Amino acid sequence: MMKSLLGFVAAAFAALLVTAPAQAQGDDAYAPARAIVADLNRIVTPNGVQETFIATLGGAKQVVNVRGADRGNPILLFVHGGPGAVEMPFAWAFQRPWEDVFTVVQYDQRGAGRSYPLNDPATLAPTMTLDRYRDDAIELIELLQKRYGQRKVVLMGHSWGSFVGLAVALERPDLLHAYVGVGQGIDFREGEKVGMAWTRAKALAAGDRAAVAAIDALAPYPSSGPFTIEQADGWRKYAMPYGSLLYNRPPATTLYFEQPRLSPEYTEADRQAWGKGSAFTVTTLWPRLADVSFARTQALDIPIVFLLGRHDYTVPSPVAAAWFAKARAPSKTLVWFEHSAHMPMVEEPGLFFAALLRDVLPLTEDRP
């Protein structure tokens, strides 16, 4: 499954994970590999933390995973994308170096991943709005500060999670030392327009008339009319082979989406819940996001860092860069990853970690 894509493909790849031929061997086929990963990533430092717990946020139970070498380090809260594309089962592959300098927190948002079976979907559905996800994150930050006795918090939002993260930064800047946007979204309609135009141009250059016709047939989306996940999927399925998600890694040529099989945090049952939760979340939430936009937001009260893939057209990076150029903040830094699309923390993990050390960690020392 695709990690923090806009969610509609999340359901499709979650289904792939539980129906792939290897699954016929049973979950135990991957147990030895998961044990190796778990042991390699085990936190053994005296003041470290490695735990998973359930937090009730806004009345919804949500699974929280916390890992770090020193509880005295600043907290880095990762808000995953989608909606519904959880990051927890992928984090083992890139997050371990972060844990030496941050206490890193992953959580499965309401209706997603391991949190999905903990709540009644019918009860949850009316609550699924950007404001509620924002307030869930705020409640979690306050809980983490109390639980670990740590006031220093960096919020990192990725893809859909970057809308949530930016909303938190605007609503409660007092809780944060910095906001970090990865695959940053600014305006849903504008992002869809730019992504569709880029994909159509790629298809046209490749002589793929069927793709061009299919994209044209989506009109008047996204400018007007219904805002459905089927329409979003209608152009992204053509964009991905051109590298909108992973630069130079077409989906058919990579085992990237098999990583959750090796995650110590996710069982077969968790992966099945992930697929159901992704489908539920994107179907419920996507139509409510059409007019979500931060285009008119001009100022933030905390430092901001954008970490953008040059080739990202899943959530088009040119839209985020144009907004960033006009935004005002106590400090702001934009880092381009020249060989990345939507997943720079996976595509260029060394440079991504270097940016965290160089451009993000020092911001936690600016305030007591």
Protein backbone atom coordinates (compact mmCIF):
# COMPACT_ATOMS: atom_id res chain seq x y z
CA MET A 1 0.00 0.00 0.00
CA MET A 2 1.13 3.50 -0.61
CA LYS A 3 2.07 5.32 2.40
CA SER A 4 0.88 8.79 2.54
CA LEU A 5 -0.77 9.22 -0.78
CA LEU A 6 -4.03 11.10 -0.80
CA GLY A 7 -5.90 8.08 0.41
CA PHE A 8 -7.89 6.72 -2.45
CA VAL A 9 -5.02 4.47 -3.56
CA ALA A 10 -4.42 3.58 0.06
CA ALA A 11 -7.45 1.32 0.02
CA ALA A 12 -6.41 -0.34 -3.23
CA PHE A 13 -2.93 -1.18 -2.01
CA ALA A 14 -4.14 -2.30 1.39
CA ALA A 15 -6.30 -4.78 -0.50
CA LEU A 16 -3.21 -5.85 -2.44
CA LEU A 17 -1.35 -6.53 0.78
CA VAL A 18 -3.91 -8.97 2.08
CA THR A 19 -4.55 -10.74 -1.23
CA ALA A 20 -1.03 -11.03 -2.67
CA PRO A 21 0.17 -14.60 -3.34
CA ALA A 22 2.69 -14.42 -0.50
CA GLN A 23 -0.20 -14.03 1.92
CA ALA A 24 -1.25 -17.58 1.14
CA GLN A 25 1.77 -18.70 3.14
CA GLY A 26 0.25 -17.10 6.19
CA ASP A 27 1.47 -14.31 8.41
CA ASP A 28 4.15 -16.60 9.88
CA ALA A 29 6.05 -16.52 6.59
CA TYR A 30 7.20 -13.02 7.54
CA ALA A 31 7.64 -13.61 11.26
CA PRO A 32 11.43 -14.23 11.16
CA ALA A 33 12.01 -11.06 9.14
CA ARG A 34 9.77 -9.02 11.44
CA ALA A 35 11.71 -10.34 14.42
CA ILE A 36 14.98 -9.17 12.87
CA VAL A 37 13.55 -5.71 12.15
CA ALA A 38 12.14 -5.48 15.67
CA ASP A 39 15.46 -6.39 17.25
CA LEU A 40 17.49 -4.03 15.06
CA ASN A 41 15.14 -1.14 15.87
CA ARG A 42 14.75 -1.91 19.56
CA ILE A 43 15.38 1.06 21.87
CA VAL A 44 17.91 -0.01 24.51
CA THR A 45 19.14 3.29 25.93
CA PRO A 46 18.52 3.82 29.67
CA ASN A 47 16.29 6.87 29.21
CA GLY A 48 14.67 5.70 26.00
CA VAL A 49 11.02 5.13 25.24
CA GLN A 50 9.35 2.51 23.07
CA GLU A 51 5.66 2.04 23.64
CA THR A 52 2.26 1.85 21.97
CA PHE A 53 -0.93 2.92 23.69
CA ILE A 54 -4.52 3.92 22.96
CA ALA A 55 -5.52 7.54 23.45
CA THR A 56 -9.08 8.85 23.34
CA LEU A 57 -9.01 12.04 21.30
CA GLY A 58 -12.23 13.91 20.65
CA GLY A 59 -14.16 10.86 21.81
CA ALA A 60 -12.42 8.49 19.35
CA LYS A 61 -9.90 5.84 20.37
CA GLN A 62 -6.64 6.17 18.42
CA VAL A 63 -3.46 4.08 18.49
CA VAL A 64 -0.27 5.98 19.35
CA ASN A 65 3.29 4.71 18.90
CA VAL A 66 6.22 6.48 20.62
CA ARG A 67 9.91 5.79 20.06
CA GLY A 68 13.04 7.64 21.10
CA ALA A 69 16.52 7.16 22.54
CA ASP A 70 16.13 9.86 25.21
CA ARG A 71 12.92 11.15 26.78
CA GLY A 72 14.70 14.47 27.20
CA ASN A 73 14.75 15.02 23.44
CA PRO A 74 12.11 17.19 21.74
CA ILE A 75 8.95 15.48 20.59
CA LEU A 76 8.37 15.14 16.85
CA LEU A 77 4.73 14.35 16.12
CA PHE A 78 4.18 12.93 12.62
CA VAL A 79 0.68 13.50 11.18
CA HIS A 80 0.18 10.93 8.44
CA GLY A 81 -1.38 11.46 5.07
CA GLY A 82 -4.23 9.96 3.14
CA PRO A 83 -6.78 10.59 4.47
CA GLY A 84 -6.43 7.15 5.98
CA ALA A 85 -2.91 6.30 4.72
CA VAL A 86 -1.20 5.42 7.97
CA GLU A 87 2.57 5.78 8.32
CA MET A 88 3.14 3.54 11.33
CA PRO A 89 3.69 0.30 9.35
CA PHE A 90 6.26 2.02 7.10
CA ALA A 91 8.16 3.99 9.74
CA TRP A 92 10.58 1.16 10.58
CA ALA A 93 12.24 1.67 7.19
CA PHE A 94 13.27 5.31 7.62
CA GLN A 95 12.56 6.64 11.10
CA ARG A 96 15.23 5.01 13.30
CA PRO A 97 17.90 7.76 12.87
CA TRP A 98 15.33 10.41 13.82
CA GLU A 99 14.83 8.64 17.15
CA ASP A 100 18.35 9.49 18.32
CA VAL A 101 17.52 13.21 18.39
CA PHE A 102 13.70 13.29 18.71
CA THR A 103 11.05 11.36 20.56
CA VAL A 104 9.07 10.39 17.45
CA VAL A 105 5.32 9.88 17.66
CA GLN A 106 3.20 8.15 15.04
CA TYR A 107 -0.55 7.78 15.46
CA ASP A 108 -3.28 6.19 13.39
CA GLN A 109 -5.89 8.92 12.97
CA ARG A 110 -9.59 8.41 13.62
CA GLY A 111 -10.98 5.91 11.17
CA ALA A 112 -7.54 4.76 9.98
CA GLY A 113 -5.30 1.73 10.43
CA ARG A 114 -5.24 0.17 13.87
CA SER A 115 -7.65 2.84 15.11
CA TYR A 116 -10.39 1.80 12.68
CA PRO A 117 -11.71 -1.27 14.57
CA LEU A 118 -11.68 0.60 17.90
CA ASN A 119 -14.63 2.84 16.98
CA ASP A 120 -18.07 2.47 15.42
CA PRO A 121 -17.83 3.83 11.84
CA ALA A 122 -21.43 5.08 11.87
CA THR A 123 -20.71 7.14 14.98
CA LEU A 124 -17.37 8.32 13.66
CA ALA A 125 -18.48 9.42 10.19
CA PRO A 126 -20.24 12.70 11.16
CA THR A 127 -17.15 13.80 13.12
CA MET A 128 -14.72 13.47 10.22
CA THR A 129 -13.84 17.05 9.33
CA LEU A 130 -10.55 18.92 9.10
CA ASP A 131 -11.38 20.81 12.29
CA ARG A 132 -11.91 17.59 14.24
CA TYR A 133 -8.63 16.08 13.00
CA ARG A 134 -6.93 19.36 13.95
CA ASP A 135 -8.38 19.20 17.44
CA ASP A 136 -7.41 15.53 17.80
CA ALA A 137 -3.80 16.50 17.09
CA ILE A 138 -3.97 19.33 19.61
CA GLU A 139 -5.32 17.00 22.29
CA LEU A 140 -2.56 14.51 21.50
CA ILE A 141 0.15 17.15 21.78
CA GLU A 142 -1.10 18.18 25.20
CA LEU A 143 -1.27 14.54 26.28
CA LEU A 144 2.28 13.88 25.09
CA GLN A 145 3.67 16.95 26.83
CA LYS A 146 2.16 15.80 30.10
CA ARG A 147 3.02 12.12 29.68
CA TYR A 148 6.70 12.72 28.88
CA GLY A 149 7.29 15.99 30.71
CA GLN A 150 8.46 17.64 27.51
CA ARG A 151 7.35 21.07 26.31
CA LYS A 152 9.38 21.13 23.10
CA VAL A 153 7.26 19.87 20.20
CA VAL A 154 7.82 19.85 16.45
CA LEU A 155 4.79 19.01 14.32
CA MET A 156 5.44 17.32 10.98
CA GLY A 157 2.51 17.02 8.60
CA HIS A 158 2.71 14.91 5.44
CA SER A 159 0.29 15.08 2.49
CA TRP A 160 -3.28 15.16 3.91
CA GLY A 161 -1.58 15.41 7.31
CA SER A 162 0.03 18.68 6.20
CA PHE A 163 -3.43 20.28 6.03
CA VAL A 164 -4.06 19.05 9.57
CA GLY A 165 -0.61 20.21 10.67
CA LEU A 166 -0.94 23.68 9.20
CA ALA A 167 -4.34 24.03 10.86
CA VAL A 168 -2.78 23.11 14.23
CA ALA A 169 0.05 25.60 13.70
CA LEU A 170 -2.48 28.36 13.08
CA GLU A 171 -4.81 27.41 15.93
CA ARG A 172 -2.27 26.62 18.70
CA PRO A 173 1.18 28.02 17.87
CA ASP A 174 1.83 28.18 21.61
CA LEU A 175 2.15 24.38 21.66
CA LEU A 176 4.82 24.18 18.96
CA HIS A 177 8.43 25.15 18.45
CA ALA A 178 8.19 24.61 14.69
CA TYR A 179 5.97 23.29 11.93
CA VAL A 180 7.44 21.04 9.21
CA GLY A 181 5.46 20.45 6.00
CA VAL A 182 6.32 17.44 3.81
CA GLY A 183 4.37 16.97 0.58
CA GLN A 184 2.64 20.13 1.79
CA GLY A 185 -0.89 20.80 0.63
CA ILE A 186 -2.28 24.33 0.44
CA ASP A 187 -5.51 24.29 -1.57
CA PHE A 188 -7.32 21.09 -2.52
CA ARG A 189 -8.93 22.34 -5.73
CA GLU A 190 -5.78 24.08 -6.94
CA GLY A 191 -3.66 21.03 -6.16
CA GLU A 192 -6.00 18.83 -8.16
CA LYS A 193 -5.89 21.24 -11.11
CA VAL A 194 -2.09 21.40 -11.18
CA GLY A 195 -1.67 17.66 -10.74
CA MET A 196 -4.17 16.87 -13.48
CA ALA A 197 -2.57 19.31 -15.91
CA TRP A 198 0.90 17.85 -15.26
CA THR A 199 -0.37 14.30 -15.74
CA ARG A 200 -2.21 15.21 -18.94
CA ALA A 201 0.93 16.83 -20.34
CA LYS A 202 2.98 13.73 -19.52
CA ALA A 203 0.41 11.46 -21.13
CA LEU A 204 0.19 13.68 -24.20
CA ALA A 205 3.97 13.65 -24.63
CA ALA A 206 3.94 9.87 -24.29
CA GLY A 207 1.23 9.50 -26.91
CA ASP A 208 -1.19 7.96 -24.41
CA ARG A 209 -4.43 9.14 -25.94
CA ALA A 210 -6.55 6.96 -23.68
CA ALA A 211 -5.11 8.62 -20.58
CA VAL A 212 -5.62 12.10 -22.02
CA ALA A 213 -9.24 11.28 -22.87
CA ALA A 214 -9.87 9.81 -19.41
CA ILE A 215 -8.47 12.89 -17.67
CA ASP A 216 -10.47 15.23 -19.92
CA ALA A 217 -13.62 13.24 -19.16
CA LEU A 218 -13.35 14.15 -15.47
CA ALA A 219 -14.36 17.76 -16.21
CA PRO A 220 -15.74 19.88 -14.63
CA TYR A 221 -13.82 18.29 -11.72
CA PRO A 222 -12.13 19.77 -9.79
CA SER A 223 -13.39 23.28 -10.57
CA SER A 224 -17.02 22.49 -9.82
CA GLY A 225 -19.46 19.68 -9.25
CA PRO A 226 -19.02 16.70 -6.92
CA PHE A 227 -15.67 16.20 -5.23
CA THR A 228 -15.36 12.42 -5.01
CA ILE A 229 -12.54 10.02 -4.41
CA GLU A 230 -13.37 8.25 -7.67
CA GLN A 231 -12.56 11.44 -9.57
CA ALA A 232 -9.32 11.94 -7.64
CA ASP A 233 -8.38 8.36 -8.44
CA GLY A 234 -9.39 8.94 -12.05
CA TRP A 235 -6.26 10.98 -12.82
CA ARG A 236 -3.80 9.79 -10.18
CA LYS A 237 -3.79 6.27 -11.57
CA TYR A 238 -2.17 7.79 -14.66
CA ALA A 239 0.11 10.13 -12.70
CA MET A 240 1.80 7.46 -10.61
CA PRO A 241 3.57 5.67 -13.50
CA TYR A 242 5.08 9.05 -14.41
CA GLY A 243 6.61 9.38 -10.94
CA SER A 244 4.16 11.66 -9.12
CA LEU A 245 4.47 9.58 -5.93
CA LEU A 246 7.93 8.00 -6.12
CA TYR A 247 10.47 9.55 -8.49
CA ASN A 248 11.72 7.03 -11.07
CA ARG A 249 9.97 4.20 -9.22
CA PRO A 250 6.79 3.25 -11.07
CA PRO A 251 4.48 1.14 -8.86
CA ALA A 252 4.88 -1.94 -11.05
CA THR A 253 8.66 -1.98 -10.58
CA THR A 254 8.97 -1.71 -6.81
CA LEU A 255 8.25 -3.74 -3.68
CA TYR A 256 7.95 -0.51 -1.72
CA PHE A 257 4.32 -1.21 -0.90
CA GLU A 258 5.18 -4.55 0.69
CA GLN A 259 7.08 -2.93 3.57
CA PRO A 260 4.24 -3.26 6.09
CA ARG A 261 4.65 -7.04 5.97
CA LEU A 262 7.96 -6.53 7.81
CA SER A 263 6.66 -4.01 10.32
CA PRO A 264 6.81 -5.13 13.96
CA GLU A 265 3.89 -2.77 14.63
CA TYR A 266 1.41 -4.31 12.17
CA THR A 267 -0.09 -7.80 12.10
CA GLU A 268 -2.15 -9.38 9.32
CA ALA A 269 -5.31 -8.28 11.14
CA ASP A 270 -3.95 -4.74 11.37
CA ARG A 271 -3.31 -4.68 7.63
CA GLN A 272 -6.86 -5.82 6.96
CA ALA A 273 -8.18 -3.08 9.25
CA TRP A 274 -5.96 -0.64 7.41
CA GLY A 275 -7.63 -1.46 4.08
CA LYS A 276 -11.13 -1.15 5.48
CA GLY A 277 -10.27 2.06 7.33
CA SER A 278 -8.67 3.64 4.27
CA ALA A 279 -11.73 2.96 2.13
CA PHE A 280 -14.05 4.26 4.84
CA THR A 281 -11.99 7.37 5.51
CA VAL A 282 -11.46 8.59 1.96
CA THR A 283 -15.06 7.90 0.94
CA THR A 284 -16.38 9.81 3.95
CA LEU A 285 -13.89 12.66 4.16
CA TRP A 286 -12.84 13.52 0.60
CA PRO A 287 -16.15 15.18 -0.45
CA ARG A 288 -15.82 17.48 2.58
CA LEU A 289 -12.40 18.79 1.55
CA ALA A 290 -13.19 20.48 -1.78
CA ASP A 291 -13.06 24.01 -0.43
CA VAL A 292 -10.36 23.54 2.20
CA SER A 293 -7.67 26.10 1.43
CA PHE A 294 -4.89 28.02 3.15
CA ALA A 295 -4.24 30.14 0.07
CA ARG A 296 -5.26 33.33 1.89
CA THR A 297 -3.27 32.52 5.01
CA GLN A 298 -0.35 34.91 5.01
CA ALA A 299 1.36 34.58 8.38
CA LEU A 300 2.25 32.05 11.05
CA ASP A 301 3.54 32.77 14.54
CA ILE A 302 6.09 29.94 14.61
CA PRO A 303 9.04 28.90 12.42
CA ILE A 304 8.11 26.85 9.36
CA VAL A 305 10.18 24.41 7.34
CA PHE A 306 8.98 22.90 4.06
CA LEU A 307 10.67 19.71 2.83
CA LEU A 308 9.49 19.27 -0.75
CA GLY A 309 10.14 16.75 -3.49
CA ARG A 310 10.96 18.45 -6.76
CA HIS A 311 8.89 15.90 -8.69
CA ASP A 312 5.87 15.74 -6.37
CA TYR A 313 2.64 15.96 -8.31
CA THR A 314 0.59 13.83 -5.94
CA VAL A 315 0.26 17.00 -3.87
CA PRO A 316 1.98 19.35 -6.32
CA SER A 317 5.04 20.96 -4.77
CA PRO A 318 4.91 24.09 -6.99
CA VAL A 319 1.68 25.11 -5.23
CA ALA A 320 3.34 24.80 -1.82
CA ALA A 321 6.48 26.64 -2.98
CA ALA A 322 4.45 29.57 -4.34
CA TRP A 323 2.57 29.88 -1.04
CA PHE A 324 5.79 29.58 0.95
CA ALA A 325 7.41 32.44 -0.98
CA LYS A 326 4.71 34.85 0.23
CA ALA A 327 4.21 33.51 3.75
CA ARG A 328 5.49 35.37 6.80
CA ALA A 329 6.87 33.63 9.89
CA PRO A 330 9.54 34.21 12.56
CA SER A 331 11.76 32.10 10.33
CA LYS A 332 11.14 29.98 7.26
CA THR A 333 13.20 27.44 5.34
CA LEU A 334 12.41 25.56 2.15
CA VAL A 335 14.47 22.50 1.26
CA TRP A 336 14.14 20.91 -2.17
CA PHE A 337 14.83 17.21 -2.67
CA GLU A 338 15.90 16.99 -6.29
CA HIS A 339 15.46 13.23 -6.67
CA SER A 340 12.17 12.86 -4.78
CA ALA A 341 8.49 13.12 -5.46
CA HIS A 342 5.94 12.77 -2.65
CA MET A 343 8.04 10.67 -0.25
CA PRO A 344 11.40 12.41 0.30
CA MET A 345 11.93 10.78 3.71
CA VAL A 346 12.00 7.44 1.87
CA GLU A 347 13.46 8.50 -1.48
CA GLU A 348 16.38 10.52 -0.07
CA PRO A 349 16.51 9.45 3.58
CA GLY A 350 20.05 10.67 4.28
CA LEU A 351 19.41 14.16 2.96
CA PHE A 352 16.06 14.25 4.72
CA PHE A 353 17.66 13.40 8.07
CA ALA A 354 20.38 15.96 7.39
CA ALA A 355 17.66 18.58 6.92
CA LEU A 356 16.10 17.60 10.24
CA LEU A 357 19.47 18.06 11.97
CA ARG A 358 20.38 21.27 10.14
CA ASP A 359 17.06 23.08 9.74
CA VAL A 360 14.62 21.67 12.30
CA LEU A 361 16.39 20.52 15.46
CA PRO A 362 18.01 23.94 16.16
CA LEU A 363 14.54 25.50 16.22
CA THR A 364 13.75 23.59 19.40
CA GLU A 365 16.42 25.63 21.20
CA ASP A 366 14.93 29.01 20.33
CA ARG A 367 12.41 29.00 23.17
CA PRO A 368 12.69 27.69 26.73
